[in-house]
Protein backbone atom coordinates (compact mmCIF):
# COMPACT_ATOMS: atom_id res chain seq x y z
CA MET A 1 0.00 0.00 0.00
CA VAL A 2 1.39 3.38 -0.99
CA LEU A 3 -1.44 5.61 0.25
CA SER A 4 -5.07 5.19 1.28
CA ASP A 5 -7.96 6.91 3.00
CA GLU A 6 -11.46 5.68 3.66
CA GLY A 7 -14.73 7.06 4.94
CA MET A 8 -14.10 10.27 3.00
CA ALA A 9 -17.04 12.50 2.24
CA GLY A 10 -17.13 13.69 -1.32
CA VAL A 11 -19.15 14.77 -4.32
CA PHE A 12 -19.58 12.97 -7.64
CA VAL A 13 -20.05 15.48 -10.49
CA THR A 14 -20.92 14.82 -14.14
CA GLN A 15 -20.88 17.22 -17.06
CA LYS A 16 -22.77 16.27 -20.21
CA VAL A 17 -22.25 12.55 -19.65
CA ARG A 18 -23.87 10.04 -21.97
CA GLY A 19 -23.59 6.30 -21.84
CA PRO A 20 -25.66 3.24 -22.62
CA GLY A 21 -28.98 3.94 -20.93
CA LYS A 22 -27.58 6.98 -19.06
CA ARG A 23 -27.71 10.70 -19.67
CA TYR A 24 -26.65 13.36 -17.19
CA ARG A 25 -26.49 16.99 -18.24
CA HIS A 26 -25.12 18.10 -14.89
CA ARG A 27 -25.40 15.90 -11.84
CA LYS A 28 -24.00 16.31 -8.33
CA GLU A 29 -24.33 13.61 -5.74
CA GLY A 30 -22.70 13.28 -2.32
CA PHE A 31 -20.95 10.08 -1.32
CA SER A 32 -18.83 8.37 1.28
CA GLY A 33 -15.86 6.69 -0.32
CA CYS A 34 -12.32 5.44 -0.26
CA LEU A 35 -9.25 5.88 -2.39
CA ALA A 36 -6.27 3.53 -2.36
CA ILE A 37 -3.02 3.62 -4.29
CA THR A 38 -0.81 0.55 -4.25
CA LYS A 39 2.40 -0.08 -6.15
CA VAL A 40 0.30 -1.62 -8.93
CA ARG A 41 -3.26 -0.12 -8.86
CA VAL A 42 -5.40 2.92 -8.17
CA ILE A 43 -8.83 2.08 -6.76
CA CYS A 44 -11.67 4.45 -5.89
CA CYS A 45 -14.95 3.26 -4.39
CA THR A 46 -18.06 5.23 -3.50
CA PHE A 47 -20.75 3.63 -1.33
CA GLY A 48 -18.89 0.33 -1.79
CA LYS A 49 -19.09 0.46 -5.60
CA ARG A 50 -15.81 0.49 -7.51
CA GLN A 51 -15.60 3.65 -9.64
CA ILE A 52 -11.93 3.72 -10.67
CA ASN A 53 -9.78 0.60 -10.97
CA ILE A 54 -6.67 1.12 -13.07
CA ALA A 55 -3.14 -0.26 -13.08
CA VAL A 56 -0.49 2.38 -12.42
CA ASP A 57 1.39 1.26 -15.56
CA ASP A 58 -1.74 1.54 -17.76
CA ALA A 59 -1.35 4.18 -20.49
CA ARG A 60 -4.77 5.57 -19.52
CA MET A 61 -3.24 6.97 -16.30
CA ALA A 62 -2.30 9.94 -18.51
CA HIS A 63 -6.05 10.58 -18.97
CA LEU A 64 -6.68 11.04 -15.24
CA PHE A 65 -6.48 14.62 -13.99
CA VAL A 66 -5.82 15.50 -10.35
CA ASP A 67 -6.13 18.83 -8.61
CA THR A 68 -6.12 20.16 -5.05
CA PRO A 69 -8.17 23.37 -5.08
CA GLU A 70 -7.71 23.49 -1.27
CA ASP A 71 -5.34 21.67 1.10
CA THR A 72 -8.08 19.26 2.14
CA LYS A 73 -9.84 18.89 -1.22
CA LEU A 74 -8.80 16.40 -3.91
CA SER A 75 -10.34 16.31 -7.37
CA ILE A 76 -9.93 13.38 -9.76
CA SER A 77 -11.54 13.94 -13.15
CA PHE A 78 -11.51 12.29 -16.56
CA GLU A 79 -13.22 12.13 -19.93
CA SER A 80 -15.36 9.01 -19.59
CA SER A 81 -14.77 7.90 -23.20
CA ASN A 82 -11.14 7.14 -22.29
CA PHE A 83 -12.29 4.50 -19.79
CA ARG A 84 -15.66 3.18 -20.96
CA ASP A 85 -16.75 2.24 -24.47
CA GLY A 86 -19.87 4.07 -25.60
CA TRP A 87 -19.54 6.82 -22.98
CA GLU A 88 -18.68 10.50 -23.29
CA GLY A 89 -18.53 13.49 -20.96
CA VAL A 90 -16.49 14.51 -17.93
CA ILE A 91 -16.77 12.68 -14.61
CA GLU A 92 -15.24 14.15 -11.45
CA PHE A 93 -14.81 12.85 -7.91
CA ARG A 94 -14.21 15.50 -5.26
CA PHE A 95 -12.85 14.12 -1.99
CA ASN A 96 -12.52 15.79 1.41
CA THR A 97 -9.28 14.40 2.84
CA GLU A 98 -6.33 15.56 4.90
CA LYS A 99 -4.19 13.56 2.44
CA ALA A 100 -5.19 15.60 -0.63
CA ASN A 101 -1.67 16.83 -1.47
CA PRO A 102 0.03 13.44 -0.98
CA PHE A 103 -2.66 11.80 -3.17
CA ARG A 104 -2.12 14.43 -5.89
CA ASP A 105 1.66 14.07 -5.79
CA THR A 106 1.52 10.26 -5.88
CA LEU A 107 -0.96 10.16 -8.76
CA VAL A 108 1.11 12.65 -10.78
CA ARG A 109 4.21 10.55 -10.10
CA PHE A 110 2.34 7.54 -11.54
CA GLY A 111 1.39 9.46 -14.70
CA ALA A 112 -1.82 11.40 -13.97
CA GLN A 113 -2.00 14.97 -15.24
CA PRO A 114 -2.20 17.99 -12.93
CA GLY A 115 -5.37 20.04 -13.40
CA THR A 116 -8.94 19.16 -14.31
CA ALA A 117 -10.46 17.41 -17.31
CA THR A 118 -12.51 19.58 -19.64
């Protein structure tokens, strides 16, 4: 385990997301979740459902964007088409965590991009 935090409050935000049987113009939903980074994977779960599950050596790591708008706020965002066939639109997870900066730094070290997806 490189870094983890659980029981984090957060907000799931979508912007013009379309997928098979789904359509969200703009959706915000609170959650309780966890984020774990190991030497081989990045895993994010909200309400016990896996949302992000990617190997750190996967080329798609470059399509994850991480930002810390405040010291205790972590944002992970991505264009959904890079991770799910038939999907499009930006998905963002905003976490409240004291480990926001270490998470950002670790994810960037593994290939994520600083900033937010557009």
